[in-house]
N, C-alpha and C. Protein backbone atom coordinates (compact mmCIF):
# COMPACT_ATOMS: atom_id res chain seq x y z
N UNK A 1 0.82 -1.19 0.00
CA UNK A 1 0.00 0.00 0.00
C UNK A 1 0.87 1.26 0.00
N UNK A 2 1.95 1.28 0.76
CA UNK A 2 2.77 2.48 0.83
C UNK A 2 3.87 2.48 -0.22
N UNK A 3 4.22 1.34 -0.79
CA UNK A 3 5.26 1.28 -1.81
C UNK A 3 4.64 1.35 -3.19
N UNK A 4 4.48 2.57 -3.66
CA UNK A 4 3.93 2.76 -5.00
C UNK A 4 4.63 3.95 -5.63
N UNK A 5 4.68 3.96 -6.93
CA UNK A 5 5.27 5.07 -7.65
C UNK A 5 4.30 6.23 -7.67
N UNK A 6 4.69 7.33 -7.07
CA UNK A 6 3.83 8.50 -7.09
C UNK A 6 4.03 9.30 -8.37
N UNK A 7 5.23 9.22 -8.94
CA UNK A 7 5.49 9.87 -10.22
C UNK A 7 5.65 8.77 -11.25
N UNK A 8 4.69 8.60 -12.12
CA UNK A 8 4.73 7.53 -13.12
C UNK A 8 4.64 8.10 -14.53
N UNK A 9 5.33 9.23 -14.74
CA UNK A 9 5.40 9.91 -16.03
C UNK A 9 4.02 10.37 -16.54
N UNK A 10 3.08 10.52 -15.62
CA UNK A 10 1.79 11.09 -15.96
C UNK A 10 1.74 12.50 -15.38
N UNK A 11 0.82 13.27 -15.80
CA UNK A 11 0.74 14.67 -15.35
C UNK A 11 -0.08 14.78 -14.07
N UNK A 12 0.35 14.09 -13.04
CA UNK A 12 -0.28 14.19 -11.73
C UNK A 12 0.56 15.11 -10.86
N UNK A 13 -0.03 16.15 -10.36
CA UNK A 13 0.69 17.07 -9.48
C UNK A 13 -0.02 17.05 -8.13
N UNK A 14 0.74 16.84 -7.09
CA UNK A 14 0.15 16.76 -5.77
C UNK A 14 1.04 17.50 -4.79
N UNK A 15 0.49 17.83 -3.66
CA UNK A 15 1.20 18.59 -2.64
C UNK A 15 0.69 18.15 -1.28
N UNK A 16 1.61 18.12 -0.32
CA UNK A 16 1.25 17.76 1.05
C UNK A 16 1.62 18.93 1.95
N UNK A 17 0.75 19.25 2.88
CA UNK A 17 1.02 20.34 3.81
C UNK A 17 0.39 20.01 5.16
N UNK A 18 1.15 20.24 6.22
CA UNK A 18 0.65 20.01 7.57
C UNK A 18 1.13 21.14 8.46
N UNK A 19 0.27 21.56 9.37
CA UNK A 19 0.61 22.64 10.30
C UNK A 19 0.12 22.25 11.70
N UNK A 20 0.96 22.51 12.68
CA UNK A 20 0.60 22.26 14.08
C UNK A 20 0.71 23.57 14.84
N UNK A 21 -0.36 23.94 15.52
CA UNK A 21 -0.42 25.17 16.30
C UNK A 21 -0.76 24.84 17.74
N UNK A 22 -0.12 25.55 18.65
CA UNK A 22 -0.40 25.38 20.07
C UNK A 22 -0.82 26.72 20.64
N UNK A 23 -2.01 26.79 21.20
CA UNK A 23 -2.50 28.03 21.77
C UNK A 23 -1.91 28.17 23.17
N UNK A 24 -0.85 28.95 23.27
CA UNK A 24 -0.13 29.12 24.53
C UNK A 24 -0.89 30.04 25.48
N UNK A 25 -1.32 31.17 24.97
CA UNK A 25 -2.15 32.10 25.73
C UNK A 25 -3.33 32.51 24.84
N UNK A 26 -4.12 33.43 25.33
CA UNK A 26 -5.28 33.89 24.56
C UNK A 26 -4.86 34.61 23.28
N UNK A 27 -3.69 35.23 23.28
CA UNK A 27 -3.26 36.02 22.14
C UNK A 27 -2.01 35.49 21.44
N UNK A 28 -1.33 34.49 21.99
CA UNK A 28 -0.06 34.03 21.45
C UNK A 28 -0.13 32.54 21.11
N UNK A 29 0.16 32.21 19.84
CA UNK A 29 0.11 30.82 19.38
C UNK A 29 1.32 30.52 18.50
N UNK A 30 2.30 29.75 18.98
CA UNK A 30 3.40 29.32 18.11
C UNK A 30 2.94 28.19 17.18
N UNK A 31 3.60 28.08 16.02
CA UNK A 31 3.23 27.03 15.07
C UNK A 31 4.46 26.52 14.33
N UNK A 32 4.33 25.34 13.75
CA UNK A 32 5.33 24.77 12.86
C UNK A 32 4.57 24.18 11.68
N UNK A 33 5.12 24.33 10.48
CA UNK A 33 4.46 23.84 9.28
C UNK A 33 5.49 23.16 8.38
N UNK A 34 5.06 22.12 7.68
CA UNK A 34 5.89 21.41 6.72
C UNK A 34 5.08 21.28 5.44
N UNK A 35 5.71 21.62 4.31
CA UNK A 35 5.04 21.57 3.02
C UNK A 35 5.95 20.85 2.03
N UNK A 36 5.40 19.91 1.27
CA UNK A 36 6.14 19.18 0.26
C UNK A 36 5.40 19.31 -1.05
N UNK A 37 6.08 19.86 -2.06
CA UNK A 37 5.44 20.09 -3.35
C UNK A 37 6.39 19.77 -4.49
N UNK A 38 5.83 19.59 -5.67
CA UNK A 38 6.65 19.27 -6.83
C UNK A 38 7.32 20.53 -7.36
N UNK A 39 8.53 20.35 -7.89
CA UNK A 39 9.26 21.46 -8.50
C UNK A 39 8.75 21.68 -9.92
N UNK A 40 8.50 20.59 -10.61
CA UNK A 40 8.01 20.66 -11.98
C UNK A 40 7.05 19.49 -12.22
N UNK A 41 6.05 19.70 -13.04
CA UNK A 41 5.12 18.61 -13.34
C UNK A 41 5.71 17.61 -14.33
N UNK A 42 6.88 17.91 -14.87
CA UNK A 42 7.51 17.03 -15.86
C UNK A 42 8.61 16.15 -15.27
N UNK A 43 8.95 16.34 -14.00
CA UNK A 43 9.98 15.53 -13.34
C UNK A 43 9.46 15.05 -12.00
N UNK A 44 10.24 14.19 -11.37
CA UNK A 44 9.85 13.69 -10.05
C UNK A 44 10.53 14.47 -8.93
N UNK A 45 11.11 15.62 -9.23
CA UNK A 45 11.79 16.43 -8.21
C UNK A 45 10.77 17.08 -7.29
N UNK A 46 11.10 17.09 -5.99
CA UNK A 46 10.23 17.65 -4.97
C UNK A 46 11.02 18.65 -4.14
N UNK A 47 10.35 19.52 -3.47
CA UNK A 47 11.00 20.42 -2.53
C UNK A 47 10.17 20.49 -1.26
N UNK A 48 10.86 20.55 -0.13
CA UNK A 48 10.20 20.59 1.17
C UNK A 48 10.50 21.93 1.83
N UNK A 49 9.47 22.56 2.35
CA UNK A 49 9.62 23.83 3.06
C UNK A 49 9.22 23.64 4.51
N UNK A 50 10.00 24.23 5.40
CA UNK A 50 9.71 24.21 6.83
C UNK A 50 9.45 25.64 7.27
N UNK A 51 8.43 25.85 8.05
CA UNK A 51 8.06 27.18 8.51
C UNK A 51 7.77 27.12 10.00
N UNK A 52 8.41 28.01 10.73
CA UNK A 52 8.21 28.11 12.17
C UNK A 52 7.91 29.57 12.50
N UNK A 53 6.93 29.81 13.33
CA UNK A 53 6.60 31.18 13.68
C UNK A 53 5.56 31.22 14.77
N UNK A 54 4.95 32.37 14.89
CA UNK A 54 3.91 32.53 15.91
C UNK A 54 2.86 33.51 15.41
N UNK A 55 1.67 33.38 15.96
CA UNK A 55 0.57 34.27 15.67
C UNK A 55 0.29 35.08 16.93
N UNK A 56 0.21 36.39 16.77
CA UNK A 56 -0.06 37.28 17.89
C UNK A 56 -1.31 38.08 17.57
N UNK A 57 -2.34 37.88 18.36
CA UNK A 57 -3.61 38.61 18.16
C UNK A 57 -3.67 39.73 19.17
N UNK A 58 -3.80 40.93 18.69
CA UNK A 58 -3.84 42.10 19.57
C UNK A 58 -5.25 42.62 19.68
């Protein structure tokens, strides 16, 4: 089930993104996010982005 070719020379473009947020206080929430997307629809190259930050509601 998990061992399959995701890039099989077809024009399938997909992207995965996940974000985790923790509400520390009423106005402050730190988060971490990971995103994996294709570089080109013609190759199997991928790129992963990591994002860390916080949300401050005033």
